[in-house]
Amino acid sequence: MRSCTLGQPVTLSAPQAPRQGIAEALGPDGALCLRTADGTLHSVIFGEIPLAPTQATL
């Protein structure tokens, strides 16, 4: 699996609460592995990550 967010700082809008961290990997189930500032690795199944437009999409 590939994702343009891997290795990037992201803000995840999730039903429970927003989280910020580094998108580290995608799990075998498609979950995003998000490492927060305290070093905790979260497996996120559902949420939204707003992406800024890139030069190619303008």
PDB file of N, CA and C in Angstrom:
ATOM      1  N   MET A   1       0.834  -1.185   0.000  1.00  0.00           N
ATOM      2  CA  MET A   1       0.000   0.000   0.000  1.00  0.00           C
ATOM      3  C   MET A   1       0.877   1.246   0.000  1.00  0.00           C
ATOM      4  N   ARG A   2       0.362   2.297  -0.606  1.00  0.00           N
ATOM      5  CA  ARG A   2       1.094   3.546  -0.643  1.00  0.00           C
ATOM      6  C   ARG A   2       0.187   4.669  -0.149  1.00  0.00           C
ATOM      7  N   SER A   3       0.815   5.718   0.357  1.00  0.00           N
ATOM      8  CA  SER A   3       0.072   6.878   0.828  1.00  0.00           C
ATOM      9  C   SER A   3       0.976   8.098   0.763  1.00  0.00           C
ATOM     10  N   CYS A   4       0.431   9.221   0.324  1.00  0.00           N
ATOM     11  CA  CYS A   4       1.210  10.461   0.260  1.00  0.00           C
ATOM     12  C   CYS A   4       1.433  11.059   1.645  1.00  0.00           C
ATOM     13  N   THR A   5       0.781  10.540   2.669  1.00  0.00           N
ATOM     14  CA  THR A   5       0.928  11.082   4.023  1.00  0.00           C
ATOM     15  C   THR A   5       2.062  10.435   4.815  1.00  0.00           C
ATOM     16  N   LEU A   6       2.577   9.293   4.374  1.00  0.00           N
ATOM     17  CA  LEU A   6       3.599   8.595   5.149  1.00  0.00           C
ATOM     18  C   LEU A   6       4.852   9.447   5.314  1.00  0.00           C
ATOM     19  N   GLY A   7       5.322   9.518   6.554  1.00  0.00           N
ATOM     20  CA  GLY A   7       6.496  10.301   6.877  1.00  0.00           C
ATOM     21  C   GLY A   7       6.201  11.780   7.092  1.00  0.00           C
ATOM     22  N   GLN A   8       4.951  12.170   6.948  1.00  0.00           N
ATOM     23  CA  GLN A   8       4.556  13.568   7.055  1.00  0.00           C
ATOM     24  C   GLN A   8       3.827  13.847   8.365  1.00  0.00           C
ATOM     25  N   PRO A   9       3.965  15.072   8.882  1.00  0.00           N
ATOM     26  CA  PRO A   9       3.145  15.455  10.026  1.00  0.00           C
ATOM     27  C   PRO A   9       1.698  15.642   9.551  1.00  0.00           C
ATOM     28  N   VAL A  10       0.757  15.106  10.286  1.00  0.00           N
ATOM     29  CA  VAL A  10      -0.654  15.201   9.915  1.00  0.00           C
ATOM     30  C   VAL A  10      -1.497  15.551  11.131  1.00  0.00           C
ATOM     31  N   THR A  11      -2.648  16.123  10.851  1.00  0.00           N
ATOM     32  CA  THR A  11      -3.673  16.343  11.868  1.00  0.00           C
ATOM     33  C   THR A  11      -4.860  15.510  11.460  1.00  0.00           C
ATOM     34  N   LEU A  12      -5.234  14.586  12.290  1.00  0.00           N
ATOM     35  CA  LEU A  12      -6.325  13.655  12.011  1.00  0.00           C
ATOM     36  C   LEU A  12      -7.588  14.145  12.695  1.00  0.00           C
ATOM     37  N   SER A  13      -8.634  14.351  11.910  1.00  0.00           N
ATOM     38  CA  SER A  13      -9.943  14.671  12.470  1.00  0.00           C
ATOM     39  C   SER A  13     -10.666  13.351  12.663  1.00  0.00           C
ATOM     40  N   ALA A  14     -10.867  12.970  13.913  1.00  0.00           N
ATOM     41  CA  ALA A  14     -11.507  11.697  14.228  1.00  0.00           C
ATOM     42  C   ALA A  14     -12.716  11.947  15.121  1.00  0.00           C
ATOM     43  N   PRO A  15     -13.678  11.017  15.121  1.00  0.00           N
ATOM     44  CA  PRO A  15     -14.871  11.200  15.953  1.00  0.00           C
ATOM     45  C   PRO A  15     -14.548  11.367  17.443  1.00  0.00           C
ATOM     46  N   GLN A  16     -13.541  10.658  17.957  1.00  0.00           N
ATOM     47  CA  GLN A  16     -13.218  10.739  19.379  1.00  0.00           C
ATOM     48  C   GLN A  16     -12.580  12.077  19.713  1.00  0.00           C
ATOM     49  N   ALA A  17     -11.512  12.437  19.032  1.00  0.00           N
ATOM     50  CA  ALA A  17     -10.793  13.690  19.257  1.00  0.00           C
ATOM     51  C   ALA A  17      -9.733  13.844  18.186  1.00  0.00           C
ATOM     52  N   PRO A  18      -9.414  15.075  17.803  1.00  0.00           N
ATOM     53  CA  PRO A  18      -8.346  15.263  16.826  1.00  0.00           C
ATOM     54  C   PRO A  18      -7.003  14.809  17.398  1.00  0.00           C
ATOM     55  N   ARG A  19      -6.144  14.307  16.533  1.00  0.00           N
ATOM     56  CA  ARG A  19      -4.794  13.885  16.938  1.00  0.00           C
ATOM     57  C   ARG A  19      -3.803  14.438  15.943  1.00  0.00           C
ATOM     58  N   GLN A  20      -2.625  14.792  16.449  1.00  0.00           N
ATOM     59  CA  GLN A  20      -1.537  15.241  15.584  1.00  0.00           C
ATOM     60  C   GLN A  20      -0.367  14.295  15.769  1.00  0.00           C
ATOM     61  N   GLY A  21       0.351  14.065  14.698  1.00  0.00           N
ATOM     62  CA  GLY A  21       1.519  13.205  14.774  1.00  0.00           C
ATOM     63  C   GLY A  21       2.128  12.994  13.409  1.00  0.00           C
ATOM     64  N   ILE A  22       2.991  11.995  13.337  1.00  0.00           N
ATOM     65  CA  ILE A  22       3.649  11.630  12.087  1.00  0.00           C
ATOM     66  C   ILE A  22       3.011  10.342  11.572  1.00  0.00           C
ATOM     67  N   ALA A  23       2.579  10.364  10.324  1.00  0.00           N
ATOM     68  CA  ALA A  23       2.026   9.163   9.699  1.00  0.00           C
ATOM     69  C   ALA A  23       3.191   8.233   9.386  1.00  0.00           C
ATOM     70  N   GLU A  24       3.265   7.097  10.076  1.00  0.00           N
ATOM     71  CA  GLU A  24       4.430   6.203   9.940  1.00  0.00           C
ATOM     72  C   GLU A  24       4.240   5.061   8.963  1.00  0.00           C
ATOM     73  N   ALA A  25       3.054   4.479   8.934  1.00  0.00           N
ATOM     74  CA  ALA A  25       2.865   3.294   8.098  1.00  0.00           C
ATOM     75  C   ALA A  25       1.383   3.036   7.898  1.00  0.00           C
ATOM     76  N   LEU A  26       1.106   2.076   7.017  1.00  0.00           N
ATOM     77  CA  LEU A  26      -0.242   1.562   6.856  1.00  0.00           C
ATOM     78  C   LEU A  26      -0.230   0.113   7.292  1.00  0.00           C
ATOM     79  N   GLY A  27      -1.167  -0.251   8.153  1.00  0.00           N
ATOM     80  CA  GLY A  27      -1.248  -1.622   8.630  1.00  0.00           C
ATOM     81  C   GLY A  27      -1.835  -2.539   7.570  1.00  0.00           C
ATOM     82  N   PRO A  28      -1.768  -3.834   7.779  1.00  0.00           N
ATOM     83  CA  PRO A  28      -2.304  -4.796   6.817  1.00  0.00           C
ATOM     84  C   PRO A  28      -3.808  -4.637   6.603  1.00  0.00           C
ATOM     85  N   ASP A  29      -4.489  -4.058   7.596  1.00  0.00           N
ATOM     86  CA  ASP A  29      -5.933  -3.824   7.490  1.00  0.00           C
ATOM     87  C   ASP A  29      -6.244  -2.446   6.916  1.00  0.00           C
ATOM     88  N   GLY A  30      -5.203  -1.678   6.512  1.00  0.00           N
ATOM     89  CA  GLY A  30      -5.394  -0.351   5.950  1.00  0.00           C
ATOM     90  C   GLY A  30      -5.368   0.756   6.981  1.00  0.00           C
ATOM     91  N   ALA A  31      -5.207   0.409   8.250  1.00  0.00           N
ATOM     92  CA  ALA A  31      -5.180   1.416   9.309  1.00  0.00           C
ATOM     93  C   ALA A  31      -3.921   2.264   9.199  1.00  0.00           C
ATOM     94  N   LEU A  32      -4.058   3.543   9.513  1.00  0.00           N
ATOM     95  CA  LEU A  32      -2.914   4.444   9.547  1.00  0.00           C
ATOM     96  C   LEU A  32      -2.234   4.333  10.897  1.00  0.00           C
ATOM     97  N   CYS A  33      -0.934   4.154  10.896  1.00  0.00           N
ATOM     98  CA  CYS A  33      -0.151   4.128  12.138  1.00  0.00           C
ATOM     99  C   CYS A  33       0.379   5.532  12.363  1.00  0.00           C
ATOM    100  N   LEU A  34      -0.127   6.180  13.408  1.00  0.00           N
ATOM    101  CA  LEU A  34       0.177   7.575  13.706  1.00  0.00           C
ATOM    102  C   LEU A  34       0.958   7.659  15.003  1.00  0.00           C
ATOM    103  N   ARG A  35       2.177   8.223  14.939  1.00  0.00           N
ATOM    104  CA  ARG A  35       3.003   8.394  16.139  1.00  0.00           C
ATOM    105  C   ARG A  35       2.803   9.811  16.651  1.00  0.00           C
ATOM    106  N   THR A  36       2.299   9.937  17.888  1.00  0.00           N
ATOM    107  CA  THR A  36       2.064  11.238  18.487  1.00  0.00           C
ATOM    108  C   THR A  36       3.326  11.743  19.186  1.00  0.00           C
ATOM    109  N   ALA A  37       3.303  12.996  19.616  1.00  0.00           N
ATOM    110  CA  ALA A  37       4.483  13.647  20.199  1.00  0.00           C
ATOM    111  C   ALA A  37       5.018  12.922  21.427  1.00  0.00           C
ATOM    112  N   ASP A  38       4.151  12.222  22.159  1.00  0.00           N
ATOM    113  CA  ASP A  38       4.612  11.503  23.354  1.00  0.00           C
ATOM    114  C   ASP A  38       5.216  10.142  23.025  1.00  0.00           C
ATOM    115  N   GLY A  39       5.297   9.811  21.723  1.00  0.00           N
ATOM    116  CA  GLY A  39       5.917   8.558  21.296  1.00  0.00           C
ATOM    117  C   GLY A  39       4.958   7.395  21.146  1.00  0.00           C
ATOM    118  N   THR A  40       3.686   7.607  21.466  1.00  0.00           N
ATOM    119  CA  THR A  40       2.695   6.538  21.357  1.00  0.00           C
ATOM    120  C   THR A  40       2.332   6.302  19.893  1.00  0.00           C
ATOM    121  N   LEU A  41       2.245   5.035  19.504  1.00  0.00           N
ATOM    122  CA  LEU A  41       1.835   4.672  18.152  1.00  0.00           C
ATOM    123  C   LEU A  41       0.368   4.269  18.186  1.00  0.00           C
ATOM    124  N   HIS A  42      -0.452   4.986  17.431  1.00  0.00           N
ATOM    125  CA  HIS A  42      -1.887   4.730  17.371  1.00  0.00           C
ATOM    126  C   HIS A  42      -2.224   4.088  16.028  1.00  0.00           C
ATOM    127  N   SER A  43      -3.094   3.107  16.044  1.00  0.00           N
ATOM    128  CA  SER A  43      -3.609   2.503  14.830  1.00  0.00           C
ATOM    129  C   SER A  43      -4.987   3.100  14.590  1.00  0.00           C
ATOM    130  N   VAL A  44      -5.135   3.850  13.509  1.00  0.00           N
ATOM    131  CA  VAL A  44      -6.362   4.600  13.256  1.00  0.00           C
ATOM    132  C   VAL A  44      -7.083   3.994  12.063  1.00  0.00           C
ATOM    133  N   ILE A  45      -8.294   3.534  12.310  1.00  0.00           N
ATOM    134  CA  ILE A  45      -9.102   2.918  11.257  1.00  0.00           C
ATOM    135  C   ILE A  45      -9.966   3.952  10.547  1.00  0.00           C
ATOM    136  N   PHE A  46     -10.470   4.933  11.299  1.00  0.00           N
ATOM    137  CA  PHE A  46     -11.426   5.881  10.737  1.00  0.00           C
ATOM    138  C   PHE A  46     -11.049   7.298  11.122  1.00  0.00           C
ATOM    139  N   GLY A  47     -11.072   8.202  10.165  1.00  0.00           N
ATOM    140  CA  GLY A  47     -10.797   9.613  10.411  1.00  0.00           C
ATOM    141  C   GLY A  47     -10.569  10.316   9.091  1.00  0.00           C
ATOM    142  N   GLU A  48     -10.298  11.587   9.160  1.00  0.00           N
ATOM    143  CA  GLU A  48     -10.085  12.382   7.962  1.00  0.00           C
ATOM    144  C   GLU A  48      -8.814  13.200   8.126  1.00  0.00           C
ATOM    145  N   ILE A  49      -7.997  13.215   7.082  1.00  0.00           N
ATOM    146  CA  ILE A  49      -6.779  14.004   7.069  1.00  0.00           C
ATOM    147  C   ILE A  49      -6.902  14.993   5.915  1.00  0.00           C
ATOM    148  N   PRO A  50      -7.160  16.265   6.229  1.00  0.00           N
ATOM    149  CA  PRO A  50      -7.248  17.244   5.136  1.00  0.00           C
ATOM    150  C   PRO A  50      -5.878  17.430   4.487  1.00  0.00           C
ATOM    151  N   LEU A  51      -5.839  17.441   3.166  1.00  0.00           N
ATOM    152  CA  LEU A  51      -4.597  17.598   2.420  1.00  0.00           C
ATOM    153  C   LEU A  51      -4.595  18.958   1.737  1.00  0.00           C
ATOM    154  N   ALA A  52      -3.455  19.620   1.789  1.00  0.00           N
ATOM    155  CA  ALA A  52      -3.295  20.884   1.076  1.00  0.00           C
ATOM    156  C   ALA A  52      -3.114  20.581  -0.400  1.00  0.00           C
ATOM    157  N   PRO A  53      -3.651  21.429  -1.281  1.00  0.00           N
ATOM    158  CA  PRO A  53      -3.448  21.174  -2.716  1.00  0.00           C
ATOM    159  C   PRO A  53      -1.972  21.281  -3.085  1.00  0.00           C
ATOM    160  N   THR A  54      -1.564  20.433  -3.991  1.00  0.00           N
ATOM    161  CA  THR A  54      -0.177  20.474  -4.475  1.00  0.00           C
ATOM    162  C   THR A  54      -0.131  21.295  -5.757  1.00  0.00           C
ATOM    163  N   GLN A  55       1.055  21.620  -6.183  1.00  0.00           N
ATOM    164  CA  GLN A  55       1.244  22.390  -7.405  1.00  0.00           C
ATOM    165  C   GLN A  55       0.597  21.672  -8.592  1.00  0.00           C
ATOM    166  N   ALA A  56       0.649  20.337  -8.603  1.00  0.00           N
ATOM    167  CA  ALA A  56       0.115  19.562  -9.718  1.00  0.00           C
ATOM    168  C   ALA A  56      -1.401  19.660  -9.812  1.00  0.00           C
ATOM    169  N   THR A  57      -2.097  19.960  -8.699  1.00  0.00           N
ATOM    170  CA  THR A  57      -3.550  20.003  -8.722  1.00  0.00           C
ATOM    171  C   THR A  57      -4.091  21.403  -8.896  1.00  0.00           C
ATOM    172  N   LEU A  58      -3.232  22.413  -8.947  1.00  0.00           N
ATOM    173  CA  LEU A  58      -3.704  23.797  -9.086  1.00  0.00           C
ATOM    174  C   LEU A  58      -3.998  24.147 -10.517  1.00  0.00           C
TER     175      LEU A  58
END
